[in-house]
Amino acid sequence: MHKVFFKALLISLAFISFNCFGSAERPEGAESRESIYNYSVTGIDGSTINLGDFSGKKMLIVNVASKCGFTPQYEGLEELHQLYGHELVIIGFPSNSFRQEYDSNEEIAEFCQRNYGVTFPLTERVSVRGSDQHEVFQWLTDESLNGWNTTAPQWNFYKYIIDEDGELTHVFPSNTEPMSEEILEVLS
């Protein structure tokens, strides 16, 4: 019994470390074939968030979850929002794709406010993988739309950076902290 458990644990750790490490950067000359600015999302409060309103600013799109080992990254995301909010829009997409999110938007919003004081925009709960993948994540993970990237979130807190012209420039895995040198370098 212990051998089976240990083997399953090793396989899980290998999966997480393989899929959570390693970032990607847009290859030179790659350009999106459809604009991210054509999309809108429903906010956690039911409002409409038009991505076109953010033209001229960088965007950091991240799939978030309330019950994940990476959930404390909300603190770093909020810090980024406070420091760079005039030139960077952070949008959190709560997702239960990895079975670590509350069922209702109300629970998610309350959790984020109470525990992390989140003031950056959150969307309604969406799927970031599979047949019901939200259209923004379809754009982020389909090279025929974004020009180069095919990497879907492998876990919660995957980070996608879009430049001021609406081009996807970087993908960072879950273990990349929001205030890391890698992300701050891209934002500077």
N, C-alpha and C. Protein backbone atom coordinates (compact mmCIF):
# COMPACT_ATOMS: atom_id res chain seq x y z
N MET A 1 0.82 -1.19 0.00
CA MET A 1 0.00 0.00 0.00
C MET A 1 0.86 1.26 0.00
N HIS A 2 1.89 1.28 0.84
CA HIS A 2 2.76 2.45 0.91
C HIS A 2 3.53 2.64 -0.38
N LYS A 3 3.91 1.55 -1.04
CA LYS A 3 4.64 1.66 -2.31
C LYS A 3 3.75 2.29 -3.38
N VAL A 4 2.48 1.90 -3.41
CA VAL A 4 1.55 2.46 -4.40
C VAL A 4 1.36 3.95 -4.14
N PHE A 5 1.16 4.33 -2.87
CA PHE A 5 1.00 5.73 -2.51
C PHE A 5 2.24 6.53 -2.89
N PHE A 6 3.42 6.02 -2.55
CA PHE A 6 4.68 6.70 -2.84
C PHE A 6 4.86 6.89 -4.34
N LYS A 7 4.55 5.84 -5.11
CA LYS A 7 4.68 5.94 -6.57
C LYS A 7 3.71 7.00 -7.12
N ALA A 8 2.47 7.01 -6.62
CA ALA A 8 1.50 8.01 -7.07
C ALA A 8 1.96 9.42 -6.70
N LEU A 9 2.54 9.57 -5.52
CA LEU A 9 3.05 10.86 -5.10
C LEU A 9 4.18 11.32 -6.01
N LEU A 10 5.10 10.44 -6.34
CA LEU A 10 6.21 10.80 -7.23
C LEU A 10 5.71 11.20 -8.61
N ILE A 11 4.73 10.47 -9.13
CA ILE A 11 4.17 10.80 -10.44
C ILE A 11 3.51 12.17 -10.38
N SER A 12 2.76 12.44 -9.31
CA SER A 12 2.10 13.75 -9.17
C SER A 12 3.11 14.87 -9.09
N LEU A 13 4.16 14.68 -8.30
CA LEU A 13 5.20 15.71 -8.19
C LEU A 13 5.91 15.93 -9.50
N ALA A 14 6.17 14.87 -10.22
CA ALA A 14 6.82 14.99 -11.53
C ALA A 14 5.93 15.77 -12.49
N PHE A 15 4.61 15.47 -12.47
CA PHE A 15 3.67 16.18 -13.33
C PHE A 15 3.66 17.67 -13.01
N ILE A 16 3.53 17.97 -11.71
CA ILE A 16 3.46 19.38 -11.31
C ILE A 16 4.75 20.10 -11.64
N SER A 17 5.90 19.50 -11.33
CA SER A 17 7.15 20.21 -11.59
C SER A 17 7.41 20.34 -13.09
N PHE A 18 7.06 19.34 -13.88
CA PHE A 18 7.24 19.45 -15.33
C PHE A 18 6.36 20.56 -15.90
N ASN A 19 5.14 20.65 -15.39
CA ASN A 19 4.19 21.59 -15.95
C ASN A 19 4.19 22.95 -15.29
N CYS A 20 4.87 23.12 -14.20
CA CYS A 20 4.86 24.40 -13.50
C CYS A 20 6.16 25.16 -13.68
N PHE A 21 7.16 24.57 -14.29
CA PHE A 21 8.43 25.25 -14.45
C PHE A 21 8.67 25.54 -15.91
N GLY A 22 9.31 26.66 -16.17
CA GLY A 22 9.66 27.02 -17.54
C GLY A 22 8.70 28.02 -18.12
N SER A 23 9.24 29.14 -18.52
CA SER A 23 8.43 30.18 -19.13
C SER A 23 8.65 30.16 -20.64
N ALA A 24 7.83 30.91 -21.34
CA ALA A 24 7.96 31.00 -22.79
C ALA A 24 7.85 32.47 -23.20
N GLU A 25 8.57 32.81 -24.25
CA GLU A 25 8.58 34.18 -24.76
C GLU A 25 8.23 34.16 -26.24
N ARG A 26 7.51 35.17 -26.68
CA ARG A 26 7.09 35.25 -28.08
C ARG A 26 8.31 35.24 -29.00
N PRO A 27 8.30 34.37 -29.98
CA PRO A 27 9.40 34.37 -30.96
C PRO A 27 9.38 35.65 -31.80
N GLU A 28 10.53 36.07 -32.21
CA GLU A 28 10.63 37.26 -33.05
C GLU A 28 9.79 37.08 -34.31
N GLY A 29 9.03 38.09 -34.64
CA GLY A 29 8.21 38.07 -35.85
C GLY A 29 6.82 37.47 -35.68
N ALA A 30 6.55 36.84 -34.55
CA ALA A 30 5.22 36.26 -34.32
C ALA A 30 4.22 37.37 -34.01
N GLU A 31 3.07 37.32 -34.66
CA GLU A 31 2.03 38.31 -34.43
C GLU A 31 0.69 37.60 -34.35
N SER A 32 -0.19 38.16 -33.53
CA SER A 32 -1.52 37.56 -33.41
C SER A 32 -2.28 37.74 -34.71
N ARG A 33 -3.17 36.80 -34.95
CA ARG A 33 -3.99 36.85 -36.16
C ARG A 33 -5.37 37.40 -35.86
N GLU A 34 -5.70 37.47 -34.58
CA GLU A 34 -6.95 38.06 -34.13
C GLU A 34 -6.62 38.88 -32.88
N SER A 35 -7.26 40.00 -32.72
CA SER A 35 -6.93 40.88 -31.60
C SER A 35 -7.59 40.44 -30.30
N ILE A 36 -6.83 40.42 -29.23
CA ILE A 36 -7.37 40.16 -27.89
C ILE A 36 -8.38 41.24 -27.53
N TYR A 37 -8.26 42.41 -28.14
CA TYR A 37 -9.16 43.52 -27.85
C TYR A 37 -10.59 43.28 -28.34
N ASN A 38 -10.80 42.23 -29.14
CA ASN A 38 -12.14 41.88 -29.60
C ASN A 38 -12.96 41.18 -28.53
N TYR A 39 -12.33 40.81 -27.43
CA TYR A 39 -13.00 40.00 -26.42
C TYR A 39 -13.47 40.83 -25.23
N SER A 40 -14.51 40.32 -24.62
CA SER A 40 -14.97 40.87 -23.35
C SER A 40 -15.30 39.68 -22.44
N VAL A 41 -15.31 39.95 -21.15
CA VAL A 41 -15.58 38.90 -20.17
C VAL A 41 -16.57 39.46 -19.15
N THR A 42 -17.24 38.56 -18.48
CA THR A 42 -18.15 38.97 -17.42
C THR A 42 -17.37 39.04 -16.12
N GLY A 43 -17.45 40.17 -15.46
CA GLY A 43 -16.78 40.35 -14.19
C GLY A 43 -17.44 39.54 -13.09
N ILE A 44 -16.75 39.36 -12.00
CA ILE A 44 -17.27 38.57 -10.89
C ILE A 44 -18.54 39.19 -10.32
N ASP A 45 -18.71 40.50 -10.54
CA ASP A 45 -19.91 41.21 -10.06
C ASP A 45 -21.00 41.30 -11.12
N GLY A 46 -20.79 40.64 -12.28
CA GLY A 46 -21.77 40.65 -13.35
C GLY A 46 -21.57 41.74 -14.38
N SER A 47 -20.62 42.64 -14.14
CA SER A 47 -20.33 43.71 -15.10
C SER A 47 -19.60 43.15 -16.32
N THR A 48 -19.49 43.95 -17.35
CA THR A 48 -18.75 43.54 -18.54
C THR A 48 -17.37 44.19 -18.51
N ILE A 49 -16.35 43.37 -18.73
CA ILE A 49 -14.97 43.85 -18.83
C ILE A 49 -14.58 43.73 -20.30
N ASN A 50 -14.47 44.87 -20.98
CA ASN A 50 -14.07 44.88 -22.39
C ASN A 50 -12.55 44.99 -22.46
N LEU A 51 -11.90 43.98 -23.01
CA LEU A 51 -10.44 44.00 -23.08
C LEU A 51 -9.95 45.12 -23.99
N GLY A 52 -10.75 45.55 -24.94
CA GLY A 52 -10.38 46.66 -25.80
C GLY A 52 -10.17 47.97 -25.04
N ASP A 53 -10.79 48.07 -23.87
CA ASP A 53 -10.61 49.27 -23.05
C ASP A 53 -9.18 49.39 -22.53
N PHE A 54 -8.40 48.32 -22.62
CA PHE A 54 -7.05 48.31 -22.08
C PHE A 54 -5.97 48.48 -23.14
N SER A 55 -6.37 48.83 -24.34
CA SER A 55 -5.41 49.11 -25.40
C SER A 55 -4.46 50.20 -24.91
N GLY A 56 -3.16 49.99 -25.14
CA GLY A 56 -2.16 50.94 -24.69
C GLY A 56 -1.59 50.62 -23.33
N LYS A 57 -2.13 49.60 -22.66
CA LYS A 57 -1.60 49.14 -21.37
C LYS A 57 -1.20 47.68 -21.50
N LYS A 58 -0.28 47.26 -20.67
CA LYS A 58 0.04 45.84 -20.58
C LYS A 58 -1.06 45.16 -19.78
N MET A 59 -1.28 43.88 -20.07
CA MET A 59 -2.23 43.07 -19.31
C MET A 59 -1.51 41.84 -18.78
N LEU A 60 -1.86 41.46 -17.57
CA LEU A 60 -1.43 40.21 -16.97
C LEU A 60 -2.69 39.42 -16.70
N ILE A 61 -2.87 38.35 -17.44
CA ILE A 61 -4.04 37.49 -17.28
C ILE A 61 -3.58 36.23 -16.55
N VAL A 62 -4.28 35.90 -15.48
CA VAL A 62 -3.87 34.77 -14.65
C VAL A 62 -5.09 33.98 -14.21
N ASN A 63 -5.02 32.65 -14.35
CA ASN A 63 -6.10 31.81 -13.83
C ASN A 63 -5.84 31.58 -12.35
N VAL A 64 -6.83 31.89 -11.53
CA VAL A 64 -6.66 31.86 -10.08
C VAL A 64 -7.60 30.85 -9.45
N ALA A 65 -7.27 30.46 -8.22
CA ALA A 65 -8.12 29.54 -7.45
C ALA A 65 -7.91 29.82 -5.96
N SER A 66 -8.95 29.66 -5.19
CA SER A 66 -8.94 30.01 -3.77
C SER A 66 -8.37 28.93 -2.86
N LYS A 67 -8.29 27.70 -3.33
CA LYS A 67 -7.90 26.59 -2.46
C LYS A 67 -6.65 25.88 -2.98
N CYS A 68 -5.69 26.63 -3.45
CA CYS A 68 -4.50 26.09 -4.10
C CYS A 68 -3.26 26.46 -3.29
N GLY A 69 -2.22 25.67 -3.40
CA GLY A 69 -0.96 26.01 -2.76
C GLY A 69 -0.37 27.32 -3.26
N PHE A 70 -0.76 27.74 -4.46
CA PHE A 70 -0.27 29.00 -5.03
C PHE A 70 -1.19 30.19 -4.71
N THR A 71 -2.29 29.96 -3.99
CA THR A 71 -3.25 31.03 -3.68
C THR A 71 -2.60 32.24 -3.02
N PRO A 72 -1.57 32.08 -2.16
CA PRO A 72 -0.95 33.28 -1.59
C PRO A 72 -0.37 34.24 -2.63
N GLN A 73 -0.27 33.82 -3.89
CA GLN A 73 0.18 34.73 -4.94
C GLN A 73 -0.79 35.88 -5.17
N TYR A 74 -2.02 35.77 -4.65
CA TYR A 74 -2.94 36.91 -4.71
C TYR A 74 -2.28 38.14 -4.10
N GLU A 75 -1.50 37.94 -3.04
CA GLU A 75 -0.83 39.05 -2.38
C GLU A 75 0.13 39.77 -3.33
N GLY A 76 0.94 39.00 -4.07
CA GLY A 76 1.86 39.58 -5.03
C GLY A 76 1.14 40.21 -6.21
N LEU A 77 0.04 39.60 -6.65
CA LEU A 77 -0.74 40.19 -7.74
C LEU A 77 -1.32 41.53 -7.32
N GLU A 78 -1.82 41.61 -6.08
CA GLU A 78 -2.35 42.88 -5.59
C GLU A 78 -1.23 43.91 -5.46
N GLU A 79 -0.05 43.48 -5.03
CA GLU A 79 1.09 44.41 -4.93
C GLU A 79 1.46 44.95 -6.31
N LEU A 80 1.50 44.07 -7.31
CA LEU A 80 1.75 44.51 -8.69
C LEU A 80 0.70 45.52 -9.13
N HIS A 81 -0.55 45.22 -8.83
CA HIS A 81 -1.65 46.11 -9.20
C HIS A 81 -1.47 47.49 -8.56
N GLN A 82 -1.09 47.51 -7.31
CA GLN A 82 -0.90 48.79 -6.61
C GLN A 82 0.29 49.57 -7.17
N LEU A 83 1.36 48.85 -7.52
CA LEU A 83 2.57 49.51 -8.01
C LEU A 83 2.48 49.94 -9.47
N TYR A 84 1.85 49.12 -10.31
CA TYR A 84 1.87 49.34 -11.76
C TYR A 84 0.49 49.57 -12.37
N GLY A 85 -0.53 49.76 -11.53
CA GLY A 85 -1.90 49.87 -12.02
C GLY A 85 -2.14 50.92 -13.06
N HIS A 86 -1.30 51.95 -13.12
CA HIS A 86 -1.46 53.00 -14.13
C HIS A 86 -1.02 52.54 -15.53
N GLU A 87 -0.22 51.47 -15.60
CA GLU A 87 0.26 50.99 -16.90
C GLU A 87 0.06 49.50 -17.12
N LEU A 88 -0.50 48.82 -16.12
CA LEU A 88 -0.71 47.37 -16.17
C LEU A 88 -2.10 47.04 -15.64
N VAL A 89 -2.83 46.21 -16.39
CA VAL A 89 -4.12 45.72 -15.93
C VAL A 89 -3.96 44.23 -15.62
N ILE A 90 -4.25 43.88 -14.38
CA ILE A 90 -4.23 42.48 -13.97
C ILE A 90 -5.68 42.01 -13.97
N ILE A 91 -5.91 40.87 -14.60
CA ILE A 91 -7.25 40.30 -14.60
C ILE A 91 -7.13 38.85 -14.12
N GLY A 92 -7.79 38.57 -13.00
CA GLY A 92 -7.82 37.22 -12.46
C GLY A 92 -9.04 36.49 -12.97
N PHE A 93 -8.81 35.29 -13.48
CA PHE A 93 -9.89 34.44 -13.98
C PHE A 93 -10.05 33.25 -13.02
N PRO A 94 -10.95 33.36 -12.03
CA PRO A 94 -11.17 32.22 -11.15
C PRO A 94 -11.62 31.00 -11.94
N SER A 95 -11.04 29.86 -11.62
CA SER A 95 -11.34 28.65 -12.37
C SER A 95 -11.32 27.43 -11.46
N ASN A 96 -12.24 26.53 -11.75
CA ASN A 96 -12.27 25.25 -11.05
C ASN A 96 -11.73 24.14 -11.93
N SER A 97 -10.98 24.49 -12.96
CA SER A 97 -10.45 23.48 -13.88
C SER A 97 -9.56 22.47 -13.17
N PHE A 98 -8.99 22.86 -12.03
CA PHE A 98 -8.12 21.96 -11.28
C PHE A 98 -8.74 21.61 -9.93
N ARG A 99 -10.05 21.81 -9.83
CA ARG A 99 -10.84 21.41 -8.65
C ARG A 99 -10.40 22.09 -7.36
N GLN A 100 -10.08 23.39 -7.44
CA GLN A 100 -9.62 24.10 -6.25
C GLN A 100 -10.26 25.48 -6.11
N GLU A 101 -11.48 25.62 -6.61
CA GLU A 101 -12.16 26.91 -6.52
C GLU A 101 -13.56 26.73 -5.93
N TYR A 102 -14.04 27.76 -5.28
CA TYR A 102 -15.39 27.76 -4.73
C TYR A 102 -16.41 27.65 -5.85
N ASP A 103 -17.63 27.27 -5.47
CA ASP A 103 -18.70 27.07 -6.45
C ASP A 103 -19.30 28.37 -6.96
N SER A 104 -19.40 29.39 -6.10
CA SER A 104 -20.11 30.60 -6.51
C SER A 104 -19.17 31.80 -6.62
N ASN A 105 -19.54 32.71 -7.50
CA ASN A 105 -18.79 33.96 -7.66
C ASN A 105 -18.79 34.76 -6.36
N GLU A 106 -19.87 34.72 -5.64
CA GLU A 106 -19.97 35.44 -4.37
C GLU A 106 -18.94 34.93 -3.36
N GLU A 107 -18.82 33.60 -3.25
CA GLU A 107 -17.83 33.01 -2.34
C GLU A 107 -16.41 33.40 -2.73
N ILE A 108 -16.15 33.37 -4.03
CA ILE A 108 -14.81 33.71 -4.53
C ILE A 108 -14.48 35.17 -4.22
N ALA A 109 -15.41 36.06 -4.54
CA ALA A 109 -15.18 37.49 -4.31
C ALA A 109 -14.96 37.77 -2.83
N GLU A 110 -15.76 37.15 -1.98
CA GLU A 110 -15.64 37.37 -0.54
C GLU A 110 -14.30 36.84 -0.02
N PHE A 111 -13.89 35.66 -0.50
CA PHE A 111 -12.61 35.08 -0.10
C PHE A 111 -11.45 36.00 -0.49
N CYS A 112 -11.47 36.48 -1.73
CA CYS A 112 -10.37 37.32 -2.23
C CYS A 112 -10.29 38.64 -1.49
N GLN A 113 -11.43 39.23 -1.19
CA GLN A 113 -11.45 40.51 -0.48
C GLN A 113 -11.01 40.33 0.97
N ARG A 114 -11.58 39.34 1.63
CA ARG A 114 -11.29 39.13 3.06
C ARG A 114 -9.85 38.74 3.31
N ASN A 115 -9.30 37.85 2.48
CA ASN A 115 -7.97 37.30 2.73
C ASN A 115 -6.83 38.08 2.08
N TYR A 116 -7.10 38.74 0.95
CA TYR A 116 -6.01 39.39 0.21
C TYR A 116 -6.30 40.83 -0.19
N GLY A 117 -7.47 41.33 0.12
CA GLY A 117 -7.80 42.72 -0.22
C GLY A 117 -7.72 42.99 -1.71
N VAL A 118 -8.11 42.02 -2.53
CA VAL A 118 -7.98 42.13 -3.99
C VAL A 118 -8.83 43.29 -4.51
N THR A 119 -8.17 44.17 -5.27
CA THR A 119 -8.88 45.29 -5.91
C THR A 119 -8.76 45.25 -7.44
N PHE A 120 -7.91 44.36 -7.97
CA PHE A 120 -7.83 44.23 -9.43
C PHE A 120 -9.03 43.44 -9.92
N PRO A 121 -9.37 43.57 -11.21
CA PRO A 121 -10.57 42.91 -11.73
C PRO A 121 -10.48 41.38 -11.67
N LEU A 122 -11.59 40.79 -11.26
CA LEU A 122 -11.78 39.34 -11.31
C LEU A 122 -12.97 39.07 -12.22
N THR A 123 -12.89 37.98 -12.96
CA THR A 123 -14.00 37.58 -13.81
C THR A 123 -14.89 36.61 -13.05
N GLU A 124 -16.01 36.29 -13.67
CA GLU A 124 -16.81 35.22 -13.12
C GLU A 124 -16.00 33.92 -13.24
N ARG A 125 -16.38 32.89 -12.52
CA ARG A 125 -15.67 31.60 -12.59
C ARG A 125 -15.80 31.03 -14.00
N VAL A 126 -14.67 30.62 -14.56
CA VAL A 126 -14.63 30.11 -15.93
C VAL A 126 -13.80 28.82 -15.98
N SER A 127 -13.86 28.17 -17.12
CA SER A 127 -12.99 27.03 -17.39
C SER A 127 -11.81 27.52 -18.23
N VAL A 128 -10.60 27.08 -17.89
CA VAL A 128 -9.42 27.51 -18.64
C VAL A 128 -8.82 26.40 -19.48
N ARG A 129 -9.46 25.23 -19.46
CA ARG A 129 -9.01 24.08 -20.24
C ARG A 129 -10.23 23.30 -20.71
N GLY A 130 -10.03 22.46 -21.70
CA GLY A 130 -11.08 21.53 -22.11
C GLY A 130 -12.09 22.10 -23.08
N SER A 131 -13.15 21.33 -23.28
CA SER A 131 -14.15 21.68 -24.30
C SER A 131 -14.94 22.93 -23.95
N ASP A 132 -15.00 23.30 -22.68
CA ASP A 132 -15.72 24.50 -22.28
C ASP A 132 -14.78 25.65 -21.91
N GLN A 133 -13.57 25.61 -22.45
CA GLN A 133 -12.56 26.63 -22.19
C GLN A 133 -13.09 28.01 -22.59
N HIS A 134 -12.90 28.98 -21.71
CA HIS A 134 -13.34 30.35 -21.98
C HIS A 134 -12.63 30.88 -23.22
N GLU A 135 -13.31 31.72 -24.00
CA GLU A 135 -12.76 32.20 -25.26
C GLU A 135 -11.47 33.00 -25.10
N VAL A 136 -11.28 33.69 -23.99
CA VAL A 136 -10.01 34.40 -23.78
C VAL A 136 -8.87 33.39 -23.65
N PHE A 137 -9.11 32.29 -22.95
CA PHE A 137 -8.07 31.27 -22.84
C PHE A 137 -7.91 30.48 -24.13
N GLN A 138 -8.95 30.42 -24.94
CA GLN A 138 -8.79 29.86 -26.29
C GLN A 138 -7.80 30.72 -27.06
N TRP A 139 -7.98 32.04 -26.98
CA TRP A 139 -7.06 32.95 -27.69
C TRP A 139 -5.64 32.81 -27.14
N LEU A 140 -5.50 32.76 -25.82
CA LEU A 140 -4.17 32.67 -25.20
C LEU A 140 -3.44 31.38 -25.55
N THR A 141 -4.16 30.32 -25.90
CA THR A 141 -3.54 29.00 -26.07
C THR A 141 -3.65 28.44 -27.48
N ASP A 142 -4.11 29.24 -28.41
CA ASP A 142 -4.25 28.78 -29.79
C ASP A 142 -3.36 29.64 -30.69
N GLU A 143 -2.28 29.05 -31.20
CA GLU A 143 -1.34 29.83 -32.00
C GLU A 143 -1.97 30.39 -33.27
N SER A 144 -3.06 29.81 -33.75
CA SER A 144 -3.72 30.38 -34.93
C SER A 144 -4.41 31.69 -34.58
N LEU A 145 -4.59 31.97 -33.29
CA LEU A 145 -5.19 33.23 -32.85
C LEU A 145 -4.13 34.19 -32.30
N ASN A 146 -3.27 33.70 -31.39
CA ASN A 146 -2.30 34.58 -30.73
C ASN A 146 -0.96 34.66 -31.45
N GLY A 147 -0.75 33.81 -32.46
CA GLY A 147 0.47 33.89 -33.27
C GLY A 147 1.60 32.96 -32.89
N TRP A 148 1.56 32.35 -31.67
CA TRP A 148 2.70 31.50 -31.32
C TRP A 148 2.47 30.52 -30.16
N ASN A 149 1.65 30.82 -29.21
CA ASN A 149 1.58 29.99 -28.00
C ASN A 149 0.49 28.93 -28.08
N THR A 150 0.82 27.73 -27.59
CA THR A 150 -0.15 26.65 -27.49
C THR A 150 -0.26 26.11 -26.06
N THR A 151 0.43 26.73 -25.13
CA THR A 151 0.46 26.22 -23.76
C THR A 151 -0.73 26.71 -22.95
N ALA A 152 -1.60 25.76 -22.62
CA ALA A 152 -2.73 26.05 -21.74
C ALA A 152 -2.25 25.96 -20.29
N PRO A 153 -2.98 26.55 -19.38
CA PRO A 153 -2.57 26.43 -17.97
C PRO A 153 -2.46 24.97 -17.57
N GLN A 154 -1.33 24.65 -16.97
CA GLN A 154 -1.10 23.30 -16.48
C GLN A 154 -1.50 23.17 -15.02
N TRP A 155 -1.77 24.32 -14.40
CA TRP A 155 -2.19 24.40 -13.01
C TRP A 155 -2.70 25.80 -12.77
N ASN A 156 -3.15 26.08 -11.58
CA ASN A 156 -3.61 27.42 -11.22
C ASN A 156 -2.44 28.41 -11.22
N PHE A 157 -2.76 29.66 -11.44
CA PHE A 157 -1.81 30.78 -11.39
C PHE A 157 -0.79 30.76 -12.53
N TYR A 158 -1.22 30.28 -13.71
CA TYR A 158 -0.44 30.48 -14.93
C TYR A 158 -0.60 31.94 -15.32
N LYS A 159 0.45 32.54 -15.83
CA LYS A 159 0.44 33.97 -16.11
C LYS A 159 0.75 34.24 -17.58
N TYR A 160 -0.09 35.07 -18.20
CA TYR A 160 0.06 35.45 -19.59
C TYR A 160 0.19 36.96 -19.65
N ILE A 161 1.27 37.44 -20.27
CA ILE A 161 1.47 38.89 -20.38
C ILE A 161 1.23 39.33 -21.83
N ILE A 162 0.43 40.36 -21.94
CA ILE A 162 0.08 40.95 -23.23
C ILE A 162 0.62 42.37 -23.23
N ASP A 163 1.28 42.75 -24.31
CA ASP A 163 1.89 44.09 -24.36
C ASP A 163 0.86 45.17 -24.71
N GLU A 164 1.34 46.41 -24.80
CA GLU A 164 0.48 47.56 -25.05
C GLU A 164 -0.22 47.52 -26.40
N ASP A 165 0.28 46.70 -27.32
CA ASP A 165 -0.32 46.57 -28.65
C ASP A 165 -1.25 45.37 -28.76
N GLY A 166 -1.47 44.67 -27.64
CA GLY A 166 -2.38 43.52 -27.65
C GLY A 166 -1.73 42.21 -28.06
N GLU A 167 -0.40 42.16 -28.08
CA GLU A 167 0.31 40.93 -28.45
C GLU A 167 0.70 40.14 -27.21
N LEU A 168 0.43 38.84 -27.23
CA LEU A 168 0.89 37.95 -26.17
C LEU A 168 2.40 37.85 -26.26
N THR A 169 3.10 38.23 -25.19
CA THR A 169 4.56 38.25 -25.24
C THR A 169 5.23 37.20 -24.36
N HIS A 170 4.59 36.85 -23.25
CA HIS A 170 5.22 35.92 -22.31
C HIS A 170 4.18 35.04 -21.64
N VAL A 171 4.61 33.82 -21.33
CA VAL A 171 3.81 32.89 -20.54
C VAL A 171 4.69 32.43 -19.39
N PHE A 172 4.17 32.55 -18.18
CA PHE A 172 4.91 32.13 -16.99
C PHE A 172 4.12 31.05 -16.25
N PRO A 173 4.81 30.03 -15.79
CA PRO A 173 4.13 28.94 -15.08
C PRO A 173 3.73 29.36 -13.66
N SER A 174 3.01 28.47 -13.02
CA SER A 174 2.45 28.72 -11.70
C SER A 174 3.47 29.13 -10.66
N ASN A 175 4.64 28.54 -10.71
CA ASN A 175 5.63 28.80 -9.66
C ASN A 175 6.35 30.13 -9.82
N THR A 176 6.09 30.88 -10.87
CA THR A 176 6.69 32.20 -11.03
C THR A 176 5.88 33.20 -10.22
N GLU A 177 6.51 33.74 -9.20
CA GLU A 177 5.84 34.69 -8.31
C GLU A 177 5.53 35.99 -9.06
N PRO A 178 4.40 36.62 -8.77
CA PRO A 178 4.04 37.87 -9.45
C PRO A 178 5.11 38.96 -9.32
N MET A 179 5.80 39.04 -8.20
CA MET A 179 6.82 40.06 -7.99
C MET A 179 8.23 39.55 -8.31
N SER A 180 8.32 38.48 -9.07
CA SER A 180 9.62 37.91 -9.43
C SER A 180 10.38 38.84 -10.38
N GLU A 181 11.70 38.67 -10.42
CA GLU A 181 12.53 39.45 -11.35
C GLU A 181 12.08 39.25 -12.79
N GLU A 182 11.71 38.01 -13.14
CA GLU A 182 11.31 37.70 -14.52
C GLU A 182 10.11 38.55 -14.94
N ILE A 183 9.12 38.63 -14.08
CA ILE A 183 7.92 39.39 -14.43
C ILE A 183 8.20 40.89 -14.37
N LEU A 184 8.90 41.33 -13.34
CA LEU A 184 9.20 42.76 -13.23
C LEU A 184 10.03 43.26 -14.39
N GLU A 185 10.92 42.41 -14.90
CA GLU A 185 11.73 42.78 -16.06
C GLU A 185 10.85 43.00 -17.30
N VAL A 186 9.88 42.14 -17.50
CA VAL A 186 8.97 42.29 -18.64
C VAL A 186 8.13 43.56 -18.51
N LEU A 187 7.77 43.91 -17.28
CA LEU A 187 6.91 45.07 -17.06
C LEU A 187 7.67 46.39 -17.13
N SER A 188 9.00 46.34 -17.01
CA SER A 188 9.75 47.60 -17.00
C SER A 188 10.04 48.11 -18.40
